[in-house]
Protein backbone atom coordinates (compact mmCIF):
# COMPACT_ATOMS: atom_id res chain seq x y z
CA UNK A 1 8.57 10.38 -47.35
CA UNK A 2 6.76 7.45 -49.06
CA UNK A 3 8.74 4.87 -50.98
CA UNK A 4 7.70 4.16 -54.62
CA UNK A 5 6.03 0.86 -53.49
CA UNK A 6 4.13 2.56 -50.66
CA UNK A 7 3.05 5.26 -53.07
CA UNK A 8 1.70 2.75 -55.60
CA UNK A 9 -0.17 0.82 -52.86
CA UNK A 10 -1.68 4.02 -51.40
CA UNK A 11 -2.69 5.19 -54.92
CA UNK A 12 -4.34 1.87 -55.65
CA UNK A 13 -6.18 1.99 -52.33
CA UNK A 14 -7.49 5.53 -53.02
CA UNK A 15 -8.57 4.56 -56.50
CA UNK A 16 -10.58 1.69 -55.10
CA UNK A 17 -12.32 3.86 -52.59
CA UNK A 18 -13.17 6.52 -55.15
CA UNK A 19 -14.46 3.87 -57.57
CA UNK A 20 -17.18 3.09 -55.02
CA UNK A 21 -19.62 0.24 -54.78
CA UNK A 22 -22.57 -0.41 -57.10
CA UNK A 23 -25.78 0.04 -55.20
CA UNK A 24 -29.06 -1.74 -55.88
CA UNK A 25 -32.13 -0.94 -53.82
CA UNK A 26 -34.69 -3.42 -52.53
CA UNK A 27 -36.74 -5.17 -55.22
CA UNK A 28 -39.95 -3.12 -55.56
CA UNK A 29 -41.90 -6.37 -56.08
CA UNK A 30 -40.88 -7.85 -52.69
CA UNK A 31 -44.04 -9.31 -51.09
CA UNK A 32 -42.81 -9.51 -47.50
CA UNK A 33 -41.58 -12.42 -45.37
CA UNK A 34 -43.43 -15.73 -44.78
CA UNK A 35 -44.58 -16.68 -41.36
CA UNK A 36 -42.11 -18.80 -39.44
CA UNK A 37 -43.43 -22.41 -39.00
CA UNK A 38 -43.95 -23.44 -35.36
CA UNK A 39 -41.78 -26.50 -35.70
CA UNK A 40 -38.88 -24.39 -36.92
CA UNK A 41 -39.28 -21.95 -33.98
CA UNK A 42 -39.38 -24.95 -31.58
CA UNK A 43 -36.10 -26.29 -32.94
CA UNK A 44 -34.26 -23.16 -31.75
CA UNK A 45 -36.20 -22.76 -28.50
CA UNK A 46 -34.39 -22.69 -25.15
CA UNK A 47 -35.17 -22.31 -21.43
CA UNK A 48 -35.86 -18.63 -20.78
CA UNK A 49 -33.99 -17.16 -17.79
CA UNK A 50 -32.54 -13.84 -16.91
CA UNK A 51 -28.79 -14.53 -17.20
CA UNK A 52 -26.54 -13.82 -14.24
CA UNK A 53 -23.32 -12.57 -15.91
CA UNK A 54 -19.78 -12.16 -14.86
CA UNK A 55 -18.69 -8.78 -16.23
CA UNK A 56 -15.01 -7.68 -16.39
CA UNK A 57 -13.84 -4.23 -17.59
CA UNK A 58 -11.17 -4.57 -20.30
CA UNK A 59 -10.61 -0.96 -21.31
CA UNK A 60 -11.89 2.57 -21.12
CA UNK A 61 -12.06 4.86 -24.16
CA UNK A 62 -13.39 8.42 -24.34
CA UNK A 63 -16.52 7.35 -26.18
CA UNK A 64 -17.13 3.77 -24.94
CA UNK A 65 -16.11 1.10 -22.45
CA UNK A 66 -15.24 -2.51 -23.39
CA UNK A 67 -16.19 -5.38 -21.12
CA UNK A 68 -15.81 -9.21 -21.20
CA UNK A 69 -19.13 -10.86 -20.35
CA UNK A 70 -19.73 -14.51 -19.49
CA UNK A 71 -22.86 -16.41 -18.54
CA UNK A 72 -24.14 -20.00 -18.92
CA UNK A 73 -25.65 -21.26 -22.19
CA UNK A 74 -29.13 -22.82 -21.63
CA UNK A 75 -30.24 -25.52 -24.14
CA UNK A 76 -33.15 -27.98 -24.44
CA UNK A 77 -32.20 -31.25 -25.97
CA UNK A 78 -28.52 -31.31 -26.90
CA UNK A 79 -25.16 -31.20 -25.14
CA UNK A 80 -23.41 -27.91 -25.85
CA UNK A 81 -19.80 -27.80 -26.91
CA UNK A 82 -19.55 -24.31 -25.31
CA UNK A 83 -21.56 -24.35 -22.05
CA UNK A 84 -20.55 -20.71 -21.33
CA UNK A 85 -21.43 -17.74 -23.59
CA UNK A 86 -18.64 -15.27 -23.90
CA UNK A 87 -18.88 -11.82 -25.52
CA UNK A 88 -17.21 -8.49 -25.67
CA UNK A 89 -19.52 -5.69 -24.78
CA UNK A 90 -18.77 -2.27 -26.33
CA UNK A 91 -20.83 0.09 -24.26
CA UNK A 92 -21.37 3.56 -25.74
CA UNK A 93 -21.06 6.49 -23.33
CA UNK A 94 -23.77 8.39 -25.18
CA UNK A 95 -26.54 9.57 -22.86
CA UNK A 96 -29.79 7.79 -22.42
CA UNK A 97 -30.97 4.32 -23.42
CA UNK A 98 -29.17 3.53 -26.70
CA UNK A 99 -29.71 1.09 -29.54
CA UNK A 100 -27.58 -2.07 -29.55
CA UNK A 101 -26.09 -4.39 -32.22
CA UNK A 102 -25.54 -8.10 -32.05
CA UNK A 103 -22.26 -8.79 -33.91
CA UNK A 104 -21.52 -12.26 -35.32
CA UNK A 105 -17.80 -12.68 -36.28
CA UNK A 106 -16.00 -14.45 -39.16
CA UNK A 107 -15.02 -18.07 -39.02
CA UNK A 108 -11.35 -17.81 -38.13
CA UNK A 109 -9.07 -15.42 -36.26
CA UNK A 110 -9.10 -13.47 -33.02
CA UNK A 111 -11.55 -10.74 -33.98
CA UNK A 112 -9.19 -7.77 -34.77
CA UNK A 113 -11.30 -6.75 -37.75
CA UNK A 114 -14.49 -7.11 -35.85
CA UNK A 115 -13.25 -5.12 -32.85
CA UNK A 116 -12.45 -2.24 -35.19
CA UNK A 117 -16.03 -2.15 -36.54
CA UNK A 118 -17.50 -2.54 -33.01
CA UNK A 119 -15.40 0.46 -31.85
CA UNK A 120 -16.63 2.49 -34.82
CA UNK A 121 -20.32 1.76 -33.97
CA UNK A 122 -19.75 2.39 -30.23
CA UNK A 123 -18.12 5.66 -30.99
CA UNK A 124 -21.26 6.70 -32.82
CA UNK A 125 -23.69 5.91 -30.01
CA UNK A 126 -24.45 2.17 -30.50
CA UNK A 127 -23.75 -0.55 -27.93
CA UNK A 128 -22.35 -3.63 -29.56
CA UNK A 129 -22.12 -7.28 -28.41
CA UNK A 130 -19.30 -9.17 -30.18
CA UNK A 131 -20.17 -12.84 -29.67
CA UNK A 132 -17.18 -15.19 -29.31
CA UNK A 133 -17.20 -18.53 -31.06
CA UNK A 134 -14.69 -21.31 -30.57
CA UNK A 135 -16.00 -24.61 -31.86
CA UNK A 136 -17.60 -24.05 -35.30
CA UNK A 137 -14.76 -25.79 -37.13
CA UNK A 138 -15.35 -29.52 -37.48
CA UNK A 139 -12.66 -32.11 -36.91
CA UNK A 140 -12.35 -34.69 -39.73
CA UNK A 141 -13.66 -37.55 -37.51
CA UNK A 142 -16.98 -35.65 -36.89
CA UNK A 143 -19.98 -36.19 -39.19
CA UNK A 144 -22.40 -33.68 -40.73
CA UNK A 145 -24.82 -33.94 -37.81
CA UNK A 146 -22.10 -32.54 -35.51
CA UNK A 147 -21.78 -29.48 -37.73
CA UNK A 148 -25.54 -29.06 -37.54
CA UNK A 149 -25.29 -29.16 -33.74
CA UNK A 150 -22.65 -26.41 -33.78
CA UNK A 151 -24.76 -24.23 -36.06
CA UNK A 152 -27.88 -24.72 -34.01
CA UNK A 153 -25.89 -23.96 -30.84
CA UNK A 154 -24.59 -20.69 -32.36
CA UNK A 155 -28.15 -19.55 -33.07
CA UNK A 156 -29.38 -20.41 -29.60
CA UNK A 157 -26.33 -18.58 -28.21
CA UNK A 158 -27.17 -15.47 -30.27
CA UNK A 159 -30.72 -15.44 -29.02
CA UNK A 160 -29.53 -15.56 -25.38
CA UNK A 161 -27.12 -12.76 -25.99
CA UNK A 162 -30.15 -10.74 -27.20
CA UNK A 163 -31.81 -11.60 -23.93
CA UNK A 164 -28.83 -10.20 -22.11
CA UNK A 165 -28.58 -7.11 -24.27
CA UNK A 166 -32.29 -6.27 -23.82
CA UNK A 167 -31.97 -6.55 -20.05
CA UNK A 168 -29.24 -3.86 -19.79
CA UNK A 169 -30.40 -0.54 -18.34
CA UNK A 170 -28.37 1.38 -20.92
CA UNK A 171 -30.09 -0.43 -23.82
CA UNK A 172 -33.36 0.40 -25.47
CA UNK A 173 -34.82 -3.04 -26.11
CA UNK A 174 -37.01 -1.68 -28.91
CA UNK A 175 -33.91 -0.71 -30.99
CA UNK A 176 -31.82 -3.82 -31.53
CA UNK A 177 -30.09 -4.88 -34.71
CA UNK A 178 -27.69 -7.53 -36.13
CA UNK A 179 -24.42 -7.40 -38.01
CA UNK A 180 -22.27 -10.27 -39.45
CA UNK A 181 -19.47 -10.84 -41.87
CA UNK A 182 -18.71 -14.04 -43.76
CA UNK A 183 -19.78 -16.99 -41.61
CA UNK A 184 -21.11 -14.40 -39.15
CA UNK A 185 -23.21 -12.99 -41.99
CA UNK A 186 -24.85 -16.39 -42.51
CA UNK A 187 -25.45 -16.70 -38.70
CA UNK A 188 -26.93 -13.20 -38.81
CA UNK A 189 -29.34 -14.28 -41.54
CA UNK A 190 -30.48 -17.29 -39.62
CA UNK A 191 -30.81 -15.29 -36.37
CA UNK A 192 -32.85 -12.70 -38.25
CA UNK A 193 -35.46 -15.25 -39.22
CA UNK A 194 -35.85 -16.48 -35.60
CA UNK A 195 -35.40 -13.34 -33.47
CA UNK A 196 -38.07 -10.65 -33.95
CA UNK A 197 -36.50 -8.34 -31.36
CA UNK A 198 -33.78 -7.62 -33.86
CA UNK A 199 -35.30 -4.91 -36.06
CA UNK A 200 -32.69 -4.75 -38.89
CA UNK A 201 -29.56 -6.50 -40.09
CA UNK A 202 -26.36 -5.95 -42.10
CA UNK A 203 -25.05 -9.11 -43.82
CA UNK A 204 -21.63 -8.85 -45.47
CA UNK A 205 -19.78 -11.41 -47.67
CA UNK A 206 -22.22 -14.22 -46.94
CA UNK A 207 -23.87 -16.89 -49.14
CA UNK A 208 -25.66 -20.17 -49.21
CA UNK A 209 -26.46 -22.97 -49.05
CA UNK A 210 -23.73 -24.02 -46.72
CA UNK A 211 -23.37 -27.45 -48.38
CA UNK A 212 -22.53 -25.73 -51.69
CA UNK A 213 -20.00 -23.44 -50.07
CA UNK A 214 -18.25 -26.31 -48.33
CA UNK A 215 -18.18 -28.24 -51.58
CA UNK A 216 -17.10 -25.46 -53.96
CA UNK A 217 -14.99 -23.04 -51.89
CA UNK A 218 -11.42 -22.45 -53.08
CA UNK A 219 -10.30 -20.91 -49.73
CA UNK A 220 -7.64 -23.02 -47.93
CA UNK A 221 -9.41 -22.38 -44.70
CA UNK A 222 -12.15 -24.75 -46.11
CA UNK A 223 -10.32 -26.83 -48.68
CA UNK A 224 -7.79 -28.32 -46.30
CA UNK A 225 -10.36 -29.57 -43.75
CA UNK A 226 -12.54 -30.77 -46.70
CA UNK A 227 -9.65 -32.91 -48.02
CA UNK A 228 -9.09 -34.39 -44.55
CA UNK A 229 -12.80 -34.99 -44.10
CA UNK A 230 -13.12 -36.88 -47.38
CA UNK A 231 -10.01 -38.90 -46.68
CA UNK A 232 -11.10 -39.80 -43.07
CA UNK A 233 -14.57 -40.92 -44.17
CA UNK A 234 -13.50 -42.49 -47.41
CA UNK A 235 -16.18 -40.70 -49.46
CA UNK A 236 -16.20 -38.52 -52.57
CA UNK A 237 -17.23 -34.88 -52.86
CA UNK A 238 -20.70 -35.66 -54.16
CA UNK A 239 -21.44 -37.94 -51.21
CA UNK A 240 -20.24 -35.35 -48.77
CA UNK A 241 -22.43 -32.74 -50.44
CA UNK A 242 -25.46 -34.99 -50.30
CA UNK A 243 -24.88 -35.76 -46.60
CA UNK A 244 -24.60 -32.05 -45.76
CA UNK A 245 -27.75 -31.20 -47.63
CA UNK A 246 -29.57 -33.87 -45.66
CA UNK A 247 -28.20 -32.90 -42.20
CA UNK A 248 -27.90 -29.08 -42.23
CA UNK A 249 -31.21 -27.55 -41.22
CA UNK A 250 -29.47 -24.42 -39.87
CA UNK A 251 -28.83 -22.88 -43.27
CA UNK A 252 -29.36 -19.27 -44.40
CA UNK A 253 -31.11 -20.41 -47.68
CA UNK A 254 -33.62 -22.52 -45.70
CA UNK A 255 -34.43 -19.66 -43.31
CA UNK A 256 -34.33 -16.88 -45.89
CA UNK A 257 -38.08 -16.86 -46.64
CA UNK A 258 -38.81 -15.83 -43.03
CA UNK A 259 -36.54 -12.76 -43.06
CA UNK A 260 -37.92 -9.31 -43.76
CA UNK A 261 -35.82 -8.01 -46.74
CA UNK A 262 -37.09 -4.47 -46.11
CA UNK A 263 -34.89 -4.30 -43.04
CA UNK A 264 -31.74 -5.89 -44.53
CA UNK A 265 -28.60 -4.51 -46.15
CA UNK A 266 -26.19 -6.85 -47.92
CA UNK A 267 -22.62 -6.49 -49.16
CA UNK A 268 -21.53 -8.91 -51.96
CA UNK A 269 -17.96 -9.33 -53.31
CA UNK A 270 -18.09 -9.90 -57.03
CA UNK A 271 -14.86 -11.89 -57.08
CA UNK A 272 -15.44 -13.94 -53.94
CA UNK A 273 -13.59 -17.28 -54.09
CA UNK A 274 -14.38 -18.22 -50.49
CA UNK A 275 -18.14 -18.10 -50.32
CA UNK A 276 -18.45 -18.02 -54.12
CA UNK A 277 -20.18 -15.31 -56.13
CA UNK A 278 -22.90 -17.73 -57.23
CA UNK A 279 -23.68 -18.68 -53.62
CA UNK A 280 -23.74 -15.02 -52.60
CA UNK A 281 -26.27 -14.22 -55.34
CA UNK A 282 -28.29 -17.28 -54.49
CA UNK A 283 -28.69 -16.05 -50.94
CA UNK A 284 -29.55 -12.55 -52.10
CA UNK A 285 -32.30 -13.93 -54.36
CA UNK A 286 -33.57 -16.24 -51.65
CA UNK A 287 -33.86 -13.26 -49.27
CA UNK A 288 -36.08 -11.41 -51.76
CA UNK A 289 -33.35 -9.21 -53.37
CA UNK A 290 -32.79 -6.76 -50.45
CA UNK A 291 -30.75 -3.58 -50.70
CA UNK A 292 -27.20 -4.53 -51.69
CA UNK A 293 -23.81 -2.97 -52.27
CA UNK A 294 -21.59 -4.85 -54.79
CA UNK A 295 -17.85 -4.69 -54.02
CA UNK A 296 -15.55 -5.19 -57.03
CA UNK A 297 -13.07 -7.33 -55.11
CA UNK A 298 -12.68 -10.77 -53.52
CA UNK A 299 -13.60 -12.09 -50.10
CA UNK A 300 -10.48 -10.88 -48.33
CA UNK A 301 -9.49 -7.99 -50.55
CA UNK A 302 -12.96 -6.52 -49.86
CA UNK A 303 -11.56 -5.38 -46.53
CA UNK A 304 -10.00 -2.54 -48.51
CA UNK A 305 -13.58 -1.23 -48.66
CA UNK A 306 -13.95 -1.42 -44.84
CA UNK A 307 -14.33 2.41 -44.50
CA UNK A 308 -17.15 2.25 -47.03
CA UNK A 309 -18.71 -0.77 -45.33
CA UNK A 310 -18.62 0.89 -41.92
CA UNK A 311 -20.14 4.20 -43.07
CA UNK A 312 -22.90 2.59 -45.13
CA UNK A 313 -23.76 0.24 -42.22
CA UNK A 314 -23.81 3.14 -39.75
CA UNK A 315 -26.24 5.06 -41.98
CA UNK A 316 -28.41 1.96 -42.30
CA UNK A 317 -28.57 1.44 -38.51
CA UNK A 318 -29.17 5.15 -37.90
CA UNK A 319 -32.09 5.03 -40.34
CA UNK A 320 -33.72 1.95 -38.77
CA UNK A 321 -32.75 2.27 -35.05
CA UNK A 322 -32.05 5.87 -34.21
CA UNK A 323 -35.38 7.45 -34.89
CA UNK A 324 -37.88 4.87 -33.72
């Protein structure tokens, strides 16, 4: 028997789900992506090598197996903060070579939300690589160039995970996609511009430019380190914003023109105080106004729409990856 409070919460949840998301299709005037400049491609280049991975079985489920995979990160001209790539590999038990999804996680936490989505995709015949990330947060004593190093490292790491995915005998390398939420959504955008092997992408609760998000966010996950950063460097917010704009090359707005909006699905929270609604719309416009679902909630409360997000994303991946 439900208590009155539980009944009210359940009723509110059901009301939200039945209200649905507003859907807007791709802008019919979209001209297509621009050609990626050679100097931009070179900035994210890395030594190509077939990774020798250590693979550990974590669990068996009726429809998929979950493994922990580790292999070295190879870089060109910077010292990595994470020399070992670590990911969770959700391997579908569906027959034949299957499509696979590169999954970029949110900024904080231990991936419980992401694992649930990965399990959902794997249960429907998709392999999923959930890429671990440990050092994206910047200590107050670090400068903006260090944040750029972490962002660049994250993209090089993503590309090498694509190498590993494509080399697996259970994966069809012609049917690869990307998925990301929040900070992971921004990483997915940037990876999309640089990695042609990924055929389509789902980007949820993302925005840009990063300098504006770090300046304007009202989320304590960002406001507290921002206060410490300003205090440590004895600068004001405008100076910090200018420095970030100068240093952050790895930004979804800067890479947006090189992404094919015809193969992109976005989710935007209309009351997002973390990324900021204005920054979410700015990214959407920079990407060429791709197909989008608008969620009538905030950044974290949007997780009430998780069933909707999972089903819509699954249909999108099935459309672009299942029937190639």
